[in-house]
Structure formats: structure tokens, C-alpha cells
Amino acid sequence: MSKSHRGKGIRELLARGRGVCPLCKRERVKVLYEQEAGETKIKVCKTCKAALKHGKKSLA
């Protein structure tokens, strides 16, 4: 059976959730994961989210 609703949530976002990651500066990647940077929340890509979790990058 097909999965007709896969990715439905990001289709509604601007540019399908793609943009420039503020940490690694890569362009045209999915920027979907929210991280807290002080009092504000920023959206980062999947690889930066994993690097932040494992302590390889910081939000300084």
C-alpha cells in the first residue's frame, strides 16, 4: 500500500521547509528542527541537530 500522507506537514511550509541553516550555512537543506539559543528558538538542519546533541557544535 502506498503512503499518501508522507511529508504532508512540510508541504504547507514556505519553500517546503528548505532554507539556509544558520549554523553550518548550507543552502537548500530542510531546516525543520527547533533548538533553543538563549531565549530564542532557531531552526537548524538534521546534521546540526545531531551535532548539537552529541556536543560537537555549540550555539555560541
N, C-alpha and C. Protein backbone atom coordinates (compact mmCIF):
# COMPACT_ATOMS: atom_id res chain seq x y z
N MET A 1 0.84 -1.18 0.00
CA MET A 1 0.00 0.00 0.00
C MET A 1 0.88 1.25 0.00
N SER A 2 0.43 2.26 -0.68
CA SER A 2 1.21 3.50 -0.75
C SER A 2 1.02 4.33 0.50
N LYS A 3 1.94 5.21 0.72
CA LYS A 3 1.89 6.10 1.88
C LYS A 3 1.59 7.51 1.38
N SER A 4 0.32 7.81 1.23
CA SER A 4 -0.09 9.05 0.57
C SER A 4 0.08 10.29 1.43
N HIS A 5 0.26 10.14 2.74
CA HIS A 5 0.37 11.32 3.61
C HIS A 5 1.80 11.59 4.05
N ARG A 6 2.76 10.91 3.51
CA ARG A 6 4.16 11.11 3.91
C ARG A 6 4.63 12.49 3.46
N GLY A 7 5.15 13.28 4.37
CA GLY A 7 5.66 14.60 4.04
C GLY A 7 4.57 15.66 3.94
N LYS A 8 3.37 15.35 4.37
CA LYS A 8 2.26 16.29 4.24
C LYS A 8 2.49 17.56 5.05
N GLY A 9 3.10 17.44 6.22
CA GLY A 9 3.32 18.59 7.09
C GLY A 9 4.28 19.61 6.53
N ILE A 10 5.29 19.17 5.77
CA ILE A 10 6.26 20.13 5.25
C ILE A 10 5.83 20.73 3.92
N ARG A 11 4.83 20.14 3.28
CA ARG A 11 4.35 20.72 2.03
C ARG A 11 3.69 22.07 2.25
N GLU A 12 3.16 22.27 3.46
CA GLU A 12 2.48 23.52 3.77
C GLU A 12 3.44 24.64 4.15
N LEU A 13 4.69 24.30 4.48
CA LEU A 13 5.66 25.30 4.89
C LEU A 13 6.19 26.09 3.70
N LEU A 14 6.73 27.26 3.99
CA LEU A 14 7.33 28.08 2.97
C LEU A 14 8.53 27.36 2.36
N ALA A 15 8.60 27.27 1.07
CA ALA A 15 9.68 26.61 0.33
C ALA A 15 9.84 25.15 0.75
N ARG A 16 8.74 24.53 1.17
CA ARG A 16 8.72 23.13 1.60
C ARG A 16 9.68 22.85 2.75
N GLY A 17 9.91 23.88 3.61
CA GLY A 17 10.77 23.71 4.77
C GLY A 17 12.24 23.84 4.48
N ARG A 18 12.59 24.26 3.28
CA ARG A 18 14.00 24.36 2.91
C ARG A 18 14.50 25.79 3.07
N GLY A 19 15.80 25.91 3.36
CA GLY A 19 16.40 27.21 3.53
C GLY A 19 17.88 27.09 3.83
N VAL A 20 18.43 28.07 4.52
CA VAL A 20 19.85 28.08 4.88
C VAL A 20 19.95 27.80 6.38
N CYS A 21 20.77 26.83 6.74
CA CYS A 21 20.98 26.51 8.15
C CYS A 21 21.86 27.60 8.76
N PRO A 22 21.46 28.17 9.90
CA PRO A 22 22.24 29.25 10.50
C PRO A 22 23.56 28.79 11.12
N LEU A 23 23.72 27.49 11.37
CA LEU A 23 24.97 27.01 11.97
C LEU A 23 26.01 26.62 10.93
N CYS A 24 25.63 25.77 9.98
CA CYS A 24 26.62 25.29 9.01
C CYS A 24 26.60 26.07 7.70
N LYS A 25 25.62 26.97 7.55
CA LYS A 25 25.48 27.85 6.38
C LYS A 25 25.25 27.08 5.07
N ARG A 26 24.78 25.84 5.17
CA ARG A 26 24.44 25.10 3.95
C ARG A 26 23.14 25.62 3.40
N GLU A 27 23.04 25.67 2.09
CA GLU A 27 21.85 26.21 1.43
C GLU A 27 20.98 25.08 0.91
N ARG A 28 19.69 25.39 0.77
CA ARG A 28 18.70 24.48 0.20
C ARG A 28 18.61 23.15 0.94
N VAL A 29 18.70 23.17 2.27
CA VAL A 29 18.51 21.97 3.08
C VAL A 29 17.24 22.15 3.90
N LYS A 30 16.68 21.05 4.35
CA LYS A 30 15.49 21.13 5.19
C LYS A 30 15.88 21.65 6.56
N VAL A 31 15.29 22.77 6.93
CA VAL A 31 15.57 23.42 8.20
C VAL A 31 14.31 23.26 9.05
N LEU A 32 14.21 22.13 9.76
CA LEU A 32 12.96 21.78 10.42
C LEU A 32 13.08 21.62 11.93
N TYR A 33 14.28 21.53 12.45
CA TYR A 33 14.46 21.16 13.85
C TYR A 33 14.72 22.39 14.70
N GLU A 34 13.86 22.62 15.70
CA GLU A 34 14.00 23.79 16.56
C GLU A 34 14.97 23.51 17.69
N GLN A 35 15.87 24.46 17.93
CA GLN A 35 16.81 24.40 19.03
C GLN A 35 16.75 25.73 19.77
N GLU A 36 16.90 25.69 21.07
CA GLU A 36 16.87 26.92 21.85
C GLU A 36 18.25 27.54 21.89
N ALA A 37 18.32 28.81 21.49
CA ALA A 37 19.55 29.59 21.53
C ALA A 37 19.31 30.75 22.49
N GLY A 38 19.59 30.52 23.77
CA GLY A 38 19.28 31.54 24.76
C GLY A 38 17.78 31.61 24.97
N GLU A 39 17.20 32.77 24.71
CA GLU A 39 15.76 32.94 24.87
C GLU A 39 15.00 32.67 23.57
N THR A 40 15.69 32.68 22.44
CA THR A 40 15.02 32.49 21.16
C THR A 40 15.19 31.06 20.68
N LYS A 41 14.34 30.68 19.75
CA LYS A 41 14.44 29.37 19.13
C LYS A 41 14.86 29.56 17.68
N ILE A 42 15.81 28.76 17.23
CA ILE A 42 16.23 28.80 15.84
C ILE A 42 15.96 27.43 15.23
N LYS A 43 15.82 27.40 13.93
CA LYS A 43 15.60 26.14 13.23
C LYS A 43 16.90 25.75 12.53
N VAL A 44 17.33 24.51 12.73
CA VAL A 44 18.58 24.02 12.17
C VAL A 44 18.32 22.78 11.34
N CYS A 45 19.32 22.36 10.57
CA CYS A 45 19.20 21.17 9.74
C CYS A 45 19.41 19.91 10.59
N LYS A 46 19.21 18.78 9.99
CA LYS A 46 19.27 17.50 10.70
C LYS A 46 20.67 17.19 11.20
N THR A 47 21.70 17.46 10.41
CA THR A 47 23.07 17.15 10.84
C THR A 47 23.52 18.07 11.97
N CYS A 48 23.11 19.33 11.94
CA CYS A 48 23.47 20.24 13.03
C CYS A 48 22.74 19.88 14.31
N LYS A 49 21.51 19.40 14.19
CA LYS A 49 20.76 18.97 15.36
C LYS A 49 21.48 17.80 16.05
N ALA A 50 21.97 16.86 15.26
CA ALA A 50 22.69 15.71 15.81
C ALA A 50 24.02 16.16 16.42
N ALA A 51 24.71 17.09 15.76
CA ALA A 51 26.00 17.58 16.28
C ALA A 51 25.79 18.33 17.59
N LEU A 52 24.72 19.08 17.72
CA LEU A 52 24.42 19.78 18.96
C LEU A 52 24.12 18.78 20.09
N LYS A 53 23.40 17.74 19.75
CA LYS A 53 23.03 16.74 20.75
C LYS A 53 24.26 16.02 21.29
N HIS A 54 25.23 15.74 20.43
CA HIS A 54 26.42 14.99 20.82
C HIS A 54 27.56 15.88 21.29
N GLY A 55 27.33 17.19 21.31
CA GLY A 55 28.34 18.12 21.83
C GLY A 55 29.44 18.48 20.85
N LYS A 56 29.25 18.23 19.57
CA LYS A 56 30.29 18.56 18.59
C LYS A 56 30.18 19.97 18.07
N LYS A 57 29.02 20.61 18.24
CA LYS A 57 28.82 22.01 17.90
C LYS A 57 28.17 22.70 19.06
N SER A 58 28.27 24.03 19.08
CA SER A 58 27.61 24.80 20.13
C SER A 58 26.88 25.98 19.50
N LEU A 59 25.93 26.51 20.23
CA LEU A 59 25.14 27.64 19.75
C LEU A 59 25.73 28.99 20.18
N ALA A 60 27.02 29.06 20.36
CA ALA A 60 27.66 30.30 20.82
C ALA A 60 27.76 31.35 19.73
